[in-house]
Structure formats: structure tokens, C-alpha cells
Amino acid sequence: MSTRKGIKGEKDIPIFHDEVKKKHTVVLTPTVWEKLKVLSKNKGLSISEFIEQLIRDTPG
């Protein structure tokens, strides 16, 4: 589990990945959003980082 604890964020400097994150928009149903909140909280991650890790760990 990756956390930012003890790491000061700096603009345009990636912490966990080899590139800086960029803002994107995704439209989800309230049910999926609530499930994402629960799943990411259980892993100790933000929703953004949870999605990032999920996709990076998925082959293809």
C-alpha cells in the first residue's frame, strides 16, 4: 500500500509514478462512486490512486 505519509508533494514532481497526474473527468453513477469510495478507503488510498493502481495492474 502506498501512502504519501512523510512525503511533501511538489508541483509537477511525480511521487509514485514516472509521470505527473493530469486532471480528467469520468462520469459515474452514485452507486459506483460509493463503491469506489469504500474500496479505496479499505486500501488506504485516494480514489484517484486506487483507479491508477487498478488500471496499471490490469494486463492489456
N, C-alpha and C. Protein backbone atom coordinates (compact mmCIF):
# COMPACT_ATOMS: atom_id res chain seq x y z
N MET A 1 0.85 -1.18 0.00
CA MET A 1 0.00 0.00 0.00
C MET A 1 0.89 1.23 0.00
N SER A 2 0.66 2.13 -0.93
CA SER A 2 1.45 3.35 -0.98
C SER A 2 0.68 4.49 -0.34
N THR A 3 1.38 5.25 0.47
CA THR A 3 0.78 6.44 1.07
C THR A 3 1.73 7.59 0.88
N ARG A 4 1.26 8.78 1.07
CA ARG A 4 2.09 9.97 0.95
C ARG A 4 2.62 10.40 2.31
N LYS A 5 2.37 9.61 3.33
CA LYS A 5 2.77 9.99 4.68
C LYS A 5 4.27 10.28 4.73
N GLY A 6 4.62 11.46 5.17
CA GLY A 6 6.01 11.84 5.27
C GLY A 6 6.62 12.36 3.98
N ILE A 7 5.82 12.41 2.90
CA ILE A 7 6.33 12.90 1.62
C ILE A 7 5.63 14.21 1.29
N LYS A 8 6.40 15.27 1.14
CA LYS A 8 5.83 16.56 0.77
C LYS A 8 5.65 16.63 -0.75
N GLY A 9 4.45 16.89 -1.18
CA GLY A 9 4.19 16.99 -2.61
C GLY A 9 4.72 18.30 -3.19
N GLU A 10 5.27 18.22 -4.36
CA GLU A 10 5.73 19.40 -5.07
C GLU A 10 5.09 19.41 -6.45
N LYS A 11 4.72 20.59 -6.90
CA LYS A 11 4.06 20.73 -8.19
C LYS A 11 4.93 20.17 -9.32
N ASP A 12 4.30 19.40 -10.17
CA ASP A 12 4.94 18.82 -11.37
C ASP A 12 6.08 17.86 -11.05
N ILE A 13 6.10 17.31 -9.84
CA ILE A 13 7.10 16.30 -9.47
C ILE A 13 6.33 15.04 -9.09
N PRO A 14 6.43 13.97 -9.88
CA PRO A 14 5.69 12.74 -9.56
C PRO A 14 6.23 12.09 -8.28
N ILE A 15 5.34 11.47 -7.51
CA ILE A 15 5.74 10.80 -6.27
C ILE A 15 5.74 9.29 -6.46
N PHE A 16 4.64 8.72 -6.93
CA PHE A 16 4.52 7.27 -7.03
C PHE A 16 4.78 6.72 -8.42
N HIS A 17 4.61 7.53 -9.44
CA HIS A 17 4.71 7.04 -10.81
C HIS A 17 5.75 7.85 -11.57
N ASP A 18 6.06 7.43 -12.78
CA ASP A 18 7.10 8.10 -13.56
C ASP A 18 6.60 9.32 -14.33
N GLU A 19 5.38 9.72 -14.08
CA GLU A 19 4.83 10.90 -14.73
C GLU A 19 3.85 11.60 -13.80
N VAL A 20 3.63 12.87 -14.03
CA VAL A 20 2.73 13.67 -13.22
C VAL A 20 1.29 13.37 -13.63
N LYS A 21 0.40 13.26 -12.66
CA LYS A 21 -1.01 13.04 -12.98
C LYS A 21 -1.60 14.31 -13.59
N LYS A 22 -2.59 14.11 -14.45
CA LYS A 22 -3.28 15.18 -15.13
C LYS A 22 -4.77 15.00 -14.87
N LYS A 23 -5.48 16.08 -14.71
CA LYS A 23 -6.90 16.02 -14.40
C LYS A 23 -7.71 15.54 -15.60
N HIS A 24 -8.62 14.58 -15.34
CA HIS A 24 -9.55 14.05 -16.34
C HIS A 24 -10.92 13.95 -15.70
N THR A 25 -11.95 13.84 -16.49
CA THR A 25 -13.31 13.73 -15.96
C THR A 25 -13.90 12.38 -16.33
N VAL A 26 -14.51 11.73 -15.34
CA VAL A 26 -15.22 10.48 -15.55
C VAL A 26 -16.60 10.64 -14.93
N VAL A 27 -17.63 10.21 -15.63
CA VAL A 27 -18.99 10.32 -15.12
C VAL A 27 -19.44 8.93 -14.67
N LEU A 28 -19.85 8.83 -13.40
CA LEU A 28 -20.23 7.55 -12.80
C LEU A 28 -21.58 7.66 -12.10
N THR A 29 -22.23 6.54 -11.94
CA THR A 29 -23.47 6.53 -11.17
C THR A 29 -23.12 6.69 -9.68
N PRO A 30 -24.06 7.17 -8.88
CA PRO A 30 -23.81 7.29 -7.45
C PRO A 30 -23.43 5.95 -6.79
N THR A 31 -24.01 4.87 -7.27
CA THR A 31 -23.71 3.54 -6.71
C THR A 31 -22.24 3.19 -6.91
N VAL A 32 -21.72 3.40 -8.11
CA VAL A 32 -20.32 3.09 -8.41
C VAL A 32 -19.40 4.02 -7.63
N TRP A 33 -19.75 5.31 -7.54
CA TRP A 33 -18.93 6.26 -6.79
C TRP A 33 -18.81 5.84 -5.32
N GLU A 34 -19.92 5.44 -4.72
CA GLU A 34 -19.89 5.00 -3.32
C GLU A 34 -19.03 3.74 -3.16
N LYS A 35 -19.14 2.82 -4.11
CA LYS A 35 -18.32 1.60 -4.05
C LYS A 35 -16.84 1.94 -4.20
N LEU A 36 -16.51 2.86 -5.09
CA LEU A 36 -15.12 3.30 -5.25
C LEU A 36 -14.60 3.92 -3.95
N LYS A 37 -15.42 4.70 -3.29
CA LYS A 37 -15.01 5.31 -2.02
C LYS A 37 -14.70 4.25 -0.98
N VAL A 38 -15.54 3.23 -0.88
CA VAL A 38 -15.33 2.16 0.09
C VAL A 38 -14.08 1.34 -0.25
N LEU A 39 -13.96 0.94 -1.51
CA LEU A 39 -12.81 0.13 -1.93
C LEU A 39 -11.49 0.87 -1.72
N SER A 40 -11.45 2.15 -2.09
CA SER A 40 -10.21 2.91 -1.95
C SER A 40 -9.89 3.15 -0.47
N LYS A 41 -10.90 3.39 0.34
CA LYS A 41 -10.67 3.60 1.77
C LYS A 41 -10.12 2.33 2.42
N ASN A 42 -10.65 1.17 2.01
CA ASN A 42 -10.16 -0.10 2.55
C ASN A 42 -8.69 -0.34 2.22
N LYS A 43 -8.24 0.19 1.10
CA LYS A 43 -6.83 0.04 0.68
C LYS A 43 -5.96 1.18 1.22
N GLY A 44 -6.60 2.19 1.83
CA GLY A 44 -5.85 3.32 2.34
C GLY A 44 -5.35 4.25 1.25
N LEU A 45 -6.11 4.33 0.15
CA LEU A 45 -5.72 5.14 -1.00
C LEU A 45 -6.80 6.16 -1.33
N SER A 46 -6.42 7.19 -2.05
CA SER A 46 -7.42 8.10 -2.62
C SER A 46 -8.12 7.35 -3.76
N ILE A 47 -9.27 7.84 -4.15
CA ILE A 47 -9.97 7.21 -5.28
C ILE A 47 -9.11 7.30 -6.53
N SER A 48 -8.47 8.42 -6.74
CA SER A 48 -7.59 8.60 -7.89
C SER A 48 -6.47 7.56 -7.91
N GLU A 49 -5.80 7.38 -6.79
CA GLU A 49 -4.70 6.43 -6.73
C GLU A 49 -5.20 4.99 -6.83
N PHE A 50 -6.38 4.71 -6.27
CA PHE A 50 -6.98 3.38 -6.38
C PHE A 50 -7.22 3.02 -7.84
N ILE A 51 -7.81 3.95 -8.60
CA ILE A 51 -8.08 3.71 -10.02
C ILE A 51 -6.76 3.56 -10.77
N GLU A 52 -5.79 4.42 -10.46
CA GLU A 52 -4.47 4.36 -11.10
C GLU A 52 -3.85 2.98 -10.92
N GLN A 53 -3.83 2.47 -9.70
CA GLN A 53 -3.21 1.18 -9.43
C GLN A 53 -4.00 0.03 -10.05
N LEU A 54 -5.33 0.13 -10.02
CA LEU A 54 -6.18 -0.90 -10.62
C LEU A 54 -5.87 -1.05 -12.11
N ILE A 55 -5.80 0.07 -12.81
CA ILE A 55 -5.55 0.03 -14.25
C ILE A 55 -4.12 -0.38 -14.56
N ARG A 56 -3.15 0.11 -13.80
CA ARG A 56 -1.75 -0.26 -14.03
C ARG A 56 -1.53 -1.76 -13.81
N ASP A 57 -2.28 -2.35 -12.87
CA ASP A 57 -2.13 -3.77 -12.57
C ASP A 57 -2.93 -4.68 -13.50
N THR A 58 -3.74 -4.10 -14.39
CA THR A 58 -4.55 -4.87 -15.32
C THR A 58 -3.80 -5.06 -16.63
N PRO A 59 -3.57 -6.31 -17.05
CA PRO A 59 -2.85 -6.53 -18.31
C PRO A 59 -3.62 -5.97 -19.51
N GLY A 60 -2.90 -5.60 -20.52
CA GLY A 60 -3.53 -5.14 -21.75
C GLY A 60 -3.21 -3.77 -22.01
